[in-house]
Amino acid sequence: MSTAEVFAALGDPVRLRLVERLGAEGPLSIHRMTEGTAISRQAVARHLNVLRDAGLLHDERRGREHVFALEPRRIAAARRHLETISAQWDTALDRLRAYVED
């Protein structure tokens, strides 16, 4: 799975909220993820499957329910990628600042 696919999956506001909720509450079933939203169970399931296919979640069956949880290694890899980009921007801005100040 490429980093671009991870960020594409996170680029949807609904999917980003689902990831935030899983991060705050831990593993949840589709039923629990649907509670309190205006989104159908089927739509939540599709969004969760996109996140799973991007490697951001893993799931397991518990009885009749599918329970989804964050995949911490993939989340950490995405975070490291963002940190690398941030450091590159900091370096570029420092060079620009030095150029303008000279």
PDB file of N, CA and C in Angstrom:
ATOM      1  N   MET A   1       0.850  -1.175   0.000  1.00  0.00           N
ATOM      2  CA  MET A   1       0.000   0.000   0.000  1.00  0.00           C
ATOM      3  C   MET A   1       0.895   1.237   0.000  1.00  0.00           C
ATOM      4  N   SER A   2       0.628   2.151  -0.906  1.00  0.00           N
ATOM      5  CA  SER A   2       1.446   3.353  -0.990  1.00  0.00           C
ATOM      6  C   SER A   2       0.956   4.404  -0.001  1.00  0.00           C
ATOM      7  N   THR A   3       1.855   5.323   0.298  1.00  0.00           N
ATOM      8  CA  THR A   3       1.500   6.424   1.185  1.00  0.00           C
ATOM      9  C   THR A   3       0.399   7.266   0.565  1.00  0.00           C
ATOM     10  N   ALA A   4       0.441   7.431  -0.761  1.00  0.00           N
ATOM     11  CA  ALA A   4      -0.600   8.204  -1.441  1.00  0.00           C
ATOM     12  C   ALA A   4      -1.974   7.585  -1.217  1.00  0.00           C
ATOM     13  N   GLU A   5      -2.063   6.254  -1.232  1.00  0.00           N
ATOM     14  CA  GLU A   5      -3.343   5.584  -1.001  1.00  0.00           C
ATOM     15  C   GLU A   5      -3.835   5.815   0.429  1.00  0.00           C
ATOM     16  N   VAL A   6      -2.906   5.864   1.368  1.00  0.00           N
ATOM     17  CA  VAL A   6      -3.273   6.139   2.758  1.00  0.00           C
ATOM     18  C   VAL A   6      -3.864   7.538   2.869  1.00  0.00           C
ATOM     19  N   PHE A   7      -3.175   8.525   2.281  1.00  0.00           N
ATOM     20  CA  PHE A   7      -3.674   9.891   2.381  1.00  0.00           C
ATOM     21  C   PHE A   7      -4.946  10.090   1.574  1.00  0.00           C
ATOM     22  N   ALA A   8      -5.106   9.366   0.474  1.00  0.00           N
ATOM     23  CA  ALA A   8      -6.354   9.429  -0.285  1.00  0.00           C
ATOM     24  C   ALA A   8      -7.505   8.903   0.572  1.00  0.00           C
ATOM     25  N   ALA A   9      -7.275   7.813   1.289  1.00  0.00           N
ATOM     26  CA  ALA A   9      -8.311   7.262   2.159  1.00  0.00           C
ATOM     27  C   ALA A   9      -8.655   8.231   3.281  1.00  0.00           C
ATOM     28  N   LEU A  10      -7.650   8.917   3.810  1.00  0.00           N
ATOM     29  CA  LEU A  10      -7.884   9.867   4.899  1.00  0.00           C
ATOM     30  C   LEU A  10      -8.448  11.193   4.403  1.00  0.00           C
ATOM     31  N   GLY A  11      -8.440  11.398   3.083  1.00  0.00           N
ATOM     32  CA  GLY A  11      -8.890  12.664   2.517  1.00  0.00           C
ATOM     33  C   GLY A  11     -10.390  12.874   2.566  1.00  0.00           C
ATOM     34  N   ASP A  12     -11.137  11.860   2.865  1.00  0.00           N
ATOM     35  CA  ASP A  12     -12.586  11.977   2.970  1.00  0.00           C
ATOM     36  C   ASP A  12     -12.948  12.356   4.404  1.00  0.00           C
ATOM     37  N   PRO A  13     -13.760  13.400   4.593  1.00  0.00           N
ATOM     38  CA  PRO A  13     -14.090  13.833   5.962  1.00  0.00           C
ATOM     39  C   PRO A  13     -14.763  12.760   6.811  1.00  0.00           C
ATOM     40  N   VAL A  14     -15.619  11.939   6.202  1.00  0.00           N
ATOM     41  CA  VAL A  14     -16.292  10.873   6.962  1.00  0.00           C
ATOM     42  C   VAL A  14     -15.258   9.860   7.429  1.00  0.00           C
ATOM     43  N   ARG A  15     -14.367   9.448   6.535  1.00  0.00           N
ATOM     44  CA  ARG A  15     -13.359   8.460   6.917  1.00  0.00           C
ATOM     45  C   ARG A  15     -12.415   9.024   7.976  1.00  0.00           C
ATOM     46  N   LEU A  16     -12.069  10.292   7.849  1.00  0.00           N
ATOM     47  CA  LEU A  16     -11.200  10.905   8.851  1.00  0.00           C
ATOM     48  C   LEU A  16     -11.878  10.903  10.220  1.00  0.00           C
ATOM     49  N   ARG A  17     -13.174  11.193  10.259  1.00  0.00           N
ATOM     50  CA  ARG A  17     -13.907  11.151  11.539  1.00  0.00           C
ATOM     51  C   ARG A  17     -13.962   9.736  12.108  1.00  0.00           C
ATOM     52  N   LEU A  18     -14.114   8.742  11.229  1.00  0.00           N
ATOM     53  CA  LEU A  18     -14.115   7.358  11.704  1.00  0.00           C
ATOM     54  C   LEU A  18     -12.772   6.995  12.326  1.00  0.00           C
ATOM     55  N   VAL A  19     -11.680   7.404  11.699  1.00  0.00           N
ATOM     56  CA  VAL A  19     -10.347   7.149  12.249  1.00  0.00           C
ATOM     57  C   VAL A  19     -10.186   7.863  13.589  1.00  0.00           C
ATOM     58  N   GLU A  20     -10.635   9.109  13.665  1.00  0.00           N
ATOM     59  CA  GLU A  20     -10.554   9.848  14.928  1.00  0.00           C
ATOM     60  C   GLU A  20     -11.335   9.140  16.025  1.00  0.00           C
ATOM     61  N   ARG A  21     -12.515   8.654  15.685  1.00  0.00           N
ATOM     62  CA  ARG A  21     -13.335   7.964  16.684  1.00  0.00           C
ATOM     63  C   ARG A  21     -12.680   6.670  17.145  1.00  0.00           C
ATOM     64  N   LEU A  22     -12.127   5.900  16.216  1.00  0.00           N
ATOM     65  CA  LEU A  22     -11.438   4.665  16.595  1.00  0.00           C
ATOM     66  C   LEU A  22     -10.215   4.979  17.450  1.00  0.00           C
ATOM     67  N   GLY A  23      -9.556   6.068  17.155  1.00  0.00           N
ATOM     68  CA  GLY A  23      -8.407   6.463  17.965  1.00  0.00           C
ATOM     69  C   GLY A  23      -8.805   6.844  19.382  1.00  0.00           C
ATOM     70  N   ALA A  24      -9.952   7.475  19.512  1.00  0.00           N
ATOM     71  CA  ALA A  24     -10.416   7.920  20.830  1.00  0.00           C
ATOM     72  C   ALA A  24     -11.077   6.796  21.628  1.00  0.00           C
ATOM     73  N   GLU A  25     -11.817   5.930  20.953  1.00  0.00           N
ATOM     74  CA  GLU A  25     -12.628   4.940  21.656  1.00  0.00           C
ATOM     75  C   GLU A  25     -12.102   3.514  21.568  1.00  0.00           C
ATOM     76  N   GLY A  26     -11.158   3.260  20.678  1.00  0.00           N
ATOM     77  CA  GLY A  26     -10.664   1.903  20.499  1.00  0.00           C
ATOM     78  C   GLY A  26     -11.531   1.122  19.528  1.00  0.00           C
ATOM     79  N   PRO A  27     -11.336  -0.184  19.429  1.00  0.00           N
ATOM     80  CA  PRO A  27     -12.064  -1.005  18.465  1.00  0.00           C
ATOM     81  C   PRO A  27     -13.579  -0.884  18.634  1.00  0.00           C
ATOM     82  N   LEU A  28     -14.270  -0.772  17.482  1.00  0.00           N
ATOM     83  CA  LEU A  28     -15.729  -0.626  17.498  1.00  0.00           C
ATOM     84  C   LEU A  28     -16.346  -1.437  16.365  1.00  0.00           C
ATOM     85  N   SER A  29     -17.576  -1.859  16.601  1.00  0.00           N
ATOM     86  CA  SER A  29     -18.329  -2.554  15.555  1.00  0.00           C
ATOM     87  C   SER A  29     -18.921  -1.521  14.597  1.00  0.00           C
ATOM     88  N   ILE A  30     -19.338  -2.002  13.443  1.00  0.00           N
ATOM     89  CA  ILE A  30     -20.003  -1.114  12.486  1.00  0.00           C
ATOM     90  C   ILE A  30     -21.253  -0.519  13.123  1.00  0.00           C
ATOM     91  N   HIS A  31     -21.966  -1.334  13.863  1.00  0.00           N
ATOM     92  CA  HIS A  31     -23.175  -0.846  14.543  1.00  0.00           C
ATOM     93  C   HIS A  31     -22.847   0.334  15.457  1.00  0.00           C
ATOM     94  N   ARG A  32     -21.818   0.187  16.276  1.00  0.00           N
ATOM     95  CA  ARG A  32     -21.423   1.268  17.183  1.00  0.00           C
ATOM     96  C   ARG A  32     -20.933   2.501  16.427  1.00  0.00           C
ATOM     97  N   MET A  33     -20.231   2.282  15.304  1.00  0.00           N
ATOM     98  CA  MET A  33     -19.723   3.405  14.517  1.00  0.00           C
ATOM     99  C   MET A  33     -20.867   4.183  13.869  1.00  0.00           C
ATOM    100  N   THR A  34     -21.985   3.520  13.628  1.00  0.00           N
ATOM    101  CA  THR A  34     -23.132   4.155  12.971  1.00  0.00           C
ATOM    102  C   THR A  34     -23.984   4.932  13.968  1.00  0.00           C
ATOM    103  N   GLU A  35     -23.983   4.523  15.235  1.00  0.00           N
ATOM    104  CA  GLU A  35     -24.810   5.181  16.255  1.00  0.00           C
ATOM    105  C   GLU A  35     -24.478   6.663  16.338  1.00  0.00           C
ATOM    106  N   GLY A  36     -25.531   7.476  16.396  1.00  0.00           N
ATOM    107  CA  GLY A  36     -25.350   8.914  16.563  1.00  0.00           C
ATOM    108  C   GLY A  36     -24.933   9.645  15.300  1.00  0.00           C
ATOM    109  N   THR A  37     -25.007   8.985  14.160  1.00  0.00           N
ATOM    110  CA  THR A  37     -24.670   9.648  12.904  1.00  0.00           C
ATOM    111  C   THR A  37     -25.876   9.619  11.976  1.00  0.00           C
ATOM    112  N   ALA A  38     -25.820  10.424  10.960  1.00  0.00           N
ATOM    113  CA  ALA A  38     -26.874  10.425   9.940  1.00  0.00           C
ATOM    114  C   ALA A  38     -26.473   9.552   8.759  1.00  0.00           C
ATOM    115  N   ILE A  39     -25.408   8.769   8.932  1.00  0.00           N
ATOM    116  CA  ILE A  39     -24.873   7.939   7.863  1.00  0.00           C
ATOM    117  C   ILE A  39     -25.406   6.516   8.022  1.00  0.00           C
ATOM    118  N   SER A  40     -25.762   5.910   6.911  1.00  0.00           N
ATOM    119  CA  SER A  40     -26.301   4.549   6.969  1.00  0.00           C
ATOM    120  C   SER A  40     -25.209   3.550   7.341  1.00  0.00           C
ATOM    121  N   ARG A  41     -25.643   2.415   7.827  1.00  0.00           N
ATOM    122  CA  ARG A  41     -24.711   1.341   8.182  1.00  0.00           C
ATOM    123  C   ARG A  41     -23.908   0.911   6.958  1.00  0.00           C
ATOM    124  N   GLN A  42     -24.563   0.848   5.817  1.00  0.00           N
ATOM    125  CA  GLN A  42     -23.892   0.439   4.589  1.00  0.00           C
ATOM    126  C   GLN A  42     -22.810   1.449   4.194  1.00  0.00           C
ATOM    127  N   ALA A  43     -23.097   2.730   4.348  1.00  0.00           N
ATOM    128  CA  ALA A  43     -22.106   3.761   4.010  1.00  0.00           C
ATOM    129  C   ALA A  43     -20.916   3.687   4.959  1.00  0.00           C
ATOM    130  N   VAL A  44     -21.182   3.501   6.245  1.00  0.00           N
ATOM    131  CA  VAL A  44     -20.095   3.364   7.217  1.00  0.00           C
ATOM    132  C   VAL A  44     -19.251   2.143   6.870  1.00  0.00           C
ATOM    133  N   ALA A  45     -19.899   1.045   6.534  1.00  0.00           N
ATOM    134  CA  ALA A  45     -19.166  -0.177   6.171  1.00  0.00           C
ATOM    135  C   ALA A  45     -18.278   0.067   4.957  1.00  0.00           C
ATOM    136  N   ARG A  46     -18.783   0.779   3.953  1.00  0.00           N
ATOM    137  CA  ARG A  46     -17.965   1.075   2.766  1.00  0.00           C
ATOM    138  C   ARG A  46     -16.753   1.925   3.137  1.00  0.00           C
ATOM    139  N   HIS A  47     -16.962   2.943   3.963  1.00  0.00           N
ATOM    140  CA  HIS A  47     -15.851   3.802   4.385  1.00  0.00           C
ATOM    141  C   HIS A  47     -14.818   3.007   5.189  1.00  0.00           C
ATOM    142  N   LEU A  48     -15.286   2.150   6.071  1.00  0.00           N
ATOM    143  CA  LEU A  48     -14.370   1.325   6.861  1.00  0.00           C
ATOM    144  C   LEU A  48     -13.582   0.371   5.965  1.00  0.00           C
ATOM    145  N   ASN A  49     -14.219  -0.160   4.948  1.00  0.00           N
ATOM    146  CA  ASN A  49     -13.519  -1.053   4.024  1.00  0.00           C
ATOM    147  C   ASN A  49     -12.443  -0.313   3.229  1.00  0.00           C
ATOM    148  N   VAL A  50     -12.703   0.935   2.846  1.00  0.00           N
ATOM    149  CA  VAL A  50     -11.679   1.743   2.156  1.00  0.00           C
ATOM    150  C   VAL A  50     -10.485   1.939   3.080  1.00  0.00           C
ATOM    151  N   LEU A  51     -10.757   2.262   4.340  1.00  0.00           N
ATOM    152  CA  LEU A  51      -9.670   2.456   5.311  1.00  0.00           C
ATOM    153  C   LEU A  51      -8.905   1.157   5.549  1.00  0.00           C
ATOM    154  N   ARG A  52      -9.620   0.054   5.603  1.00  0.00           N
ATOM    155  CA  ARG A  52      -8.971  -1.249   5.777  1.00  0.00           C
ATOM    156  C   ARG A  52      -8.111  -1.581   4.568  1.00  0.00           C
ATOM    157  N   ASP A  53      -8.647  -1.352   3.375  1.00  0.00           N
ATOM    158  CA  ASP A  53      -7.901  -1.648   2.154  1.00  0.00           C
ATOM    159  C   ASP A  53      -6.648  -0.784   2.030  1.00  0.00           C
ATOM    160  N   ALA A  54      -6.661   0.410   2.636  1.00  0.00           N
ATOM    161  CA  ALA A  54      -5.488   1.283   2.640  1.00  0.00           C
ATOM    162  C   ALA A  54      -4.496   0.889   3.731  1.00  0.00           C
ATOM    163  N   GLY A  55      -4.862  -0.112   4.528  1.00  0.00           N
ATOM    164  CA  GLY A  55      -3.968  -0.595   5.569  1.00  0.00           C
ATOM    165  C   GLY A  55      -4.057   0.157   6.885  1.00  0.00           C
ATOM    166  N   LEU A  56      -5.059   1.031   7.011  1.00  0.00           N
ATOM    167  CA  LEU A  56      -5.191   1.845   8.220  1.00  0.00           C
ATOM    168  C   LEU A  56      -5.978   1.158   9.326  1.00  0.00           C
ATOM    169  N   LEU A  57      -6.739   0.134   8.974  1.00  0.00           N
ATOM    170  CA  LEU A  57      -7.551  -0.601   9.947  1.00  0.00           C
ATOM    171  C   LEU A  57      -7.376  -2.091   9.735  1.00  0.00           C
ATOM    172  N   HIS A  58      -7.659  -2.829  10.772  1.00  0.00           N
ATOM    173  CA  HIS A  58      -7.838  -4.269  10.629  1.00  0.00           C
ATOM    174  C   HIS A  58      -9.171  -4.597  11.289  1.00  0.00           C
ATOM    175  N   ASP A  59      -9.720  -5.708  10.896  1.00  0.00           N
ATOM    176  CA  ASP A  59     -11.020  -6.070  11.434  1.00  0.00           C
ATOM    177  C   ASP A  59     -11.038  -7.539  11.800  1.00  0.00           C
ATOM    178  N   GLU A  60     -11.990  -7.872  12.648  1.00  0.00           N
ATOM    179  CA  GLU A  60     -12.205  -9.269  13.029  1.00  0.00           C
ATOM    180  C   GLU A  60     -13.675  -9.458  13.310  1.00  0.00           C
ATOM    181  N   ARG A  61     -14.093 -10.692  13.163  1.00  0.00           N
ATOM    182  CA  ARG A  61     -15.479 -11.024  13.484  1.00  0.00           C
ATOM    183  C   ARG A  61     -15.559 -11.412  14.952  1.00  0.00           C
ATOM    184  N   ARG A  62     -16.524 -10.839  15.635  1.00  0.00           N
ATOM    185  CA  ARG A  62     -16.828 -11.205  17.020  1.00  0.00           C
ATOM    186  C   ARG A  62     -18.304 -11.561  17.034  1.00  0.00           C
ATOM    187  N   GLY A  63     -18.546 -12.843  16.966  1.00  0.00           N
ATOM    188  CA  GLY A  63     -19.939 -13.287  16.865  1.00  0.00           C
ATOM    189  C   GLY A  63     -20.509 -12.838  15.537  1.00  0.00           C
ATOM    190  N   ARG A  64     -21.591 -12.081  15.598  1.00  0.00           N
ATOM    191  CA  ARG A  64     -22.239 -11.600  14.379  1.00  0.00           C
ATOM    192  C   ARG A  64     -21.716 -10.239  13.936  1.00  0.00           C
ATOM    193  N   GLU A  65     -20.824  -9.664  14.686  1.00  0.00           N
ATOM    194  CA  GLU A  65     -20.355  -8.303  14.383  1.00  0.00           C
ATOM    195  C   GLU A  65     -18.954  -8.304  13.800  1.00  0.00           C
ATOM    196  N   HIS A  66     -18.715  -7.314  12.973  1.00  0.00           N
ATOM    197  CA  HIS A  66     -17.375  -6.999  12.499  1.00  0.00           C
ATOM    198  C   HIS A  66     -16.853  -5.873  13.370  1.00  0.00           C
ATOM    199  N   VAL A  67     -15.697  -6.053  13.979  1.00  0.00           N
ATOM    200  CA  VAL A  67     -15.110  -5.024  14.828  1.00  0.00           C
ATOM    201  C   VAL A  67     -13.854  -4.507  14.133  1.00  0.00           C
ATOM    202  N   PHE A  68     -13.760  -3.181  14.034  1.00  0.00           N
ATOM    203  CA  PHE A  68     -12.636  -2.533  13.367  1.00  0.00           C
ATOM    204  C   PHE A  68     -11.754  -1.841  14.391  1.00  0.00           C
ATOM    205  N   ALA A  69     -10.444  -1.865  14.135  1.00  0.00           N
ATOM    206  CA  ALA A  69      -9.467  -1.206  15.008  1.00  0.00           C
ATOM    207  C   ALA A  69      -8.390  -0.571  14.129  1.00  0.00           C
ATOM    208  N   LEU A  70      -7.768   0.459  14.663  1.00  0.00           N
ATOM    209  CA  LEU A  70      -6.681   1.117  13.944  1.00  0.00           C
ATOM    210  C   LEU A  70      -5.493   0.187  13.803  1.00  0.00           C
ATOM    211  N   GLU A  71      -4.769   0.347  12.721  1.00  0.00           N
ATOM    212  CA  GLU A  71      -3.518  -0.376  12.488  1.00  0.00           C
ATOM    213  C   GLU A  71      -2.390   0.606  12.826  1.00  0.00           C
ATOM    214  N   PRO A  72      -1.856   0.532  14.050  1.00  0.00           N
ATOM    215  CA  PRO A  72      -0.925   1.561  14.525  1.00  0.00           C
ATOM    216  C   PRO A  72       0.339   1.703  13.675  1.00  0.00           C
ATOM    217  N   ARG A  73       0.840   0.620  13.102  1.00  0.00           N
ATOM    218  CA  ARG A  73       2.065   0.727  12.301  1.00  0.00           C
ATOM    219  C   ARG A  73       1.836   1.570  11.052  1.00  0.00           C
ATOM    220  N   ARG A  74       0.677   1.405  10.434  1.00  0.00           N
ATOM    221  CA  ARG A  74       0.387   2.174   9.212  1.00  0.00           C
ATOM    222  C   ARG A  74       0.147   3.637   9.547  1.00  0.00           C
ATOM    223  N   ILE A  75      -0.535   3.900  10.657  1.00  0.00           N
ATOM    224  CA  ILE A  75      -0.755   5.278  11.105  1.00  0.00           C
ATOM    225  C   ILE A  75       0.596   5.928  11.413  1.00  0.00           C
ATOM    226  N   ALA A  76       1.465   5.206  12.087  1.00  0.00           N
ATOM    227  CA  ALA A  76       2.791   5.742  12.428  1.00  0.00           C
ATOM    228  C   ALA A  76       3.608   6.019  11.171  1.00  0.00           C
ATOM    229  N   ALA A  77       3.508   5.160  10.171  1.00  0.00           N
ATOM    230  CA  ALA A  77       4.239   5.377   8.922  1.00  0.00           C
ATOM    231  C   ALA A  77       3.738   6.639   8.217  1.00  0.00           C
ATOM    232  N   ALA A  78       2.431   6.863   8.217  1.00  0.00           N
ATOM    233  CA  ALA A  78       1.873   8.077   7.610  1.00  0.00           C
ATOM    234  C   ALA A  78       2.348   9.309   8.372  1.00  0.00           C
ATOM    235  N   ARG A  79       2.364   9.215   9.701  1.00  0.00           N
ATOM    236  CA  ARG A  79       2.846  10.332  10.516  1.00  0.00           C
ATOM    237  C   ARG A  79       4.297  10.642  10.227  1.00  0.00           C
ATOM    238  N   ARG A  80       5.137   9.603  10.093  1.00  0.00           N
ATOM    239  CA  ARG A  80       6.553   9.820   9.773  1.00  0.00           C
ATOM    240  C   ARG A  80       6.711  10.490   8.415  1.00  0.00           C
ATOM    241  N   HIS A  81       5.887  10.096   7.468  1.00  0.00           N
ATOM    242  CA  HIS A  81       5.937  10.712   6.145  1.00  0.00           C
ATOM    243  C   HIS A  81       5.614  12.207   6.241  1.00  0.00           C
ATOM    244  N   LEU A  82       4.579  12.548   7.002  1.00  0.00           N
ATOM    245  CA  LEU A  82       4.233  13.962   7.198  1.00  0.00           C
ATOM    246  C   LEU A  82       5.343  14.719   7.909  1.00  0.00           C
ATOM    247  N   GLU A  83       5.988  14.089   8.872  1.00  0.00           N
ATOM    248  CA  GLU A  83       7.092  14.738   9.576  1.00  0.00           C
ATOM    249  C   GLU A  83       8.257  15.008   8.634  1.00  0.00           C
ATOM    250  N   THR A  84       8.530  14.093   7.712  1.00  0.00           N
ATOM    251  CA  THR A  84       9.595  14.282   6.730  1.00  0.00           C
ATOM    252  C   THR A  84       9.268  15.468   5.826  1.00  0.00           C
ATOM    253  N   ILE A  85       8.034  15.518   5.344  1.00  0.00           N
ATOM    254  CA  ILE A  85       7.616  16.639   4.499  1.00  0.00           C
ATOM    255  C   ILE A  85       7.708  17.950   5.271  1.00  0.00           C
ATOM    256  N   SER A  86       7.286  17.946   6.511  1.00  0.00           N
ATOM    257  CA  SER A  86       7.345  19.148   7.347  1.00  0.00           C
ATOM    258  C   SER A  86       8.782  19.629   7.522  1.00  0.00           C
ATOM    259  N   ALA A  87       9.701  18.700   7.763  1.00  0.00           N
ATOM    260  CA  ALA A  87      11.114  19.068   7.917  1.00  0.00           C
ATOM    261  C   ALA A  87      11.660  19.645   6.616  1.00  0.00           C
ATOM    262  N   GLN A  88      11.258  19.095   5.482  1.00  0.00           N
ATOM    263  CA  GLN A  88      11.707  19.625   4.197  1.00  0.00           C
ATOM    264  C   GLN A  88      11.194  21.048   3.987  1.00  0.00           C
ATOM    265  N   TRP A  89       9.953  21.292   4.345  1.00  0.00           N
ATOM    266  CA  TRP A  89       9.406  22.642   4.237  1.00  0.00           C
ATOM    267  C   TRP A  89      10.125  23.597   5.177  1.00  0.00           C
ATOM    268  N   ASP A  90      10.403  23.166   6.395  1.00  0.00           N
ATOM    269  CA  ASP A  90      11.134  24.019   7.338  1.00  0.00           C
ATOM    270  C   ASP A  90      12.488  24.412   6.772  1.00  0.00           C
ATOM    271  N   THR A  91      13.186  23.466   6.168  1.00  0.00           N
ATOM    272  CA  THR A  91      14.486  23.740   5.570  1.00  0.00           C
ATOM    273  C   THR A  91      14.352  24.730   4.410  1.00  0.00           C
ATOM    274  N   ALA A  92      13.359  24.519   3.558  1.00  0.00           N
ATOM    275  CA  ALA A  92      13.139  25.416   2.426  1.00  0.00           C
ATOM    276  C   ALA A  92      12.795  26.822   2.905  1.00  0.00           C
ATOM    277  N   LEU A  93      11.957  26.933   3.928  1.00  0.00           N
ATOM    278  CA  LEU A  93      11.602  28.250   4.458  1.00  0.00           C
ATOM    279  C   LEU A  93      12.803  28.940   5.104  1.00  0.00           C
ATOM    280  N   ASP A  94      13.640  28.168   5.788  1.00  0.00           N
ATOM    281  CA  ASP A  94      14.862  28.749   6.365  1.00  0.00           C
ATOM    282  C   ASP A  94      15.774  29.297   5.281  1.00  0.00           C
ATOM    283  N   ARG A  95      15.916  28.562   4.178  1.00  0.00           N
ATOM    284  CA  ARG A  95      16.740  29.049   3.055  1.00  0.00           C
ATOM    285  C   ARG A  95      16.147  30.314   2.446  1.00  0.00           C
ATOM    286  N   LEU A  96      14.821  30.324   2.287  1.00  0.00           N
ATOM    287  CA  LEU A  96      14.165  31.511   1.734  1.00  0.00           C
ATOM    288  C   LEU A  96      14.331  32.712   2.668  1.00  0.00           C
ATOM    289  N   ARG A  97      14.164  32.484   3.960  1.00  0.00           N
ATOM    290  CA  ARG A  97      14.335  33.560   4.939  1.00  0.00           C
ATOM    291  C   ARG A  97      15.750  34.114   4.885  1.00  0.00           C
ATOM    292  N   ALA A  98      16.730  33.229   4.836  1.00  0.00           N
ATOM    293  CA  ALA A  98      18.121  33.663   4.766  1.00  0.00           C
ATOM    294  C   ALA A  98      18.384  34.444   3.485  1.00  0.00           C
ATOM    295  N   TYR A  99      17.810  34.013   2.375  1.00  0.00           N
ATOM    296  CA  TYR A  99      17.991  34.693   1.101  1.00  0.00           C
ATOM    297  C   TYR A  99      17.381  36.089   1.150  1.00  0.00           C
ATOM    298  N   VAL A 100      16.167  36.204   1.688  1.00  0.00           N
ATOM    299  CA  VAL A 100      15.474  37.489   1.743  1.00  0.00           C
ATOM    300  C   VAL A 100      16.171  38.460   2.700  1.00  0.00           C
ATOM    301  N   GLU A 101      16.691  37.933   3.801  1.00  0.00           N
ATOM    302  CA  GLU A 101      17.339  38.789   4.800  1.00  0.00           C
ATOM    303  C   GLU A 101      18.722  39.254   4.354  1.00  0.00           C
ATOM    304  N   ASP A 102      19.351  38.568   3.406  1.00  0.00           N
ATOM    305  CA  ASP A 102      20.683  38.981   2.922  1.00  0.00           C
ATOM    306  C   ASP A 102      20.602  40.076   1.905  1.00  0.00           C
TER     307      ASP A 102
END
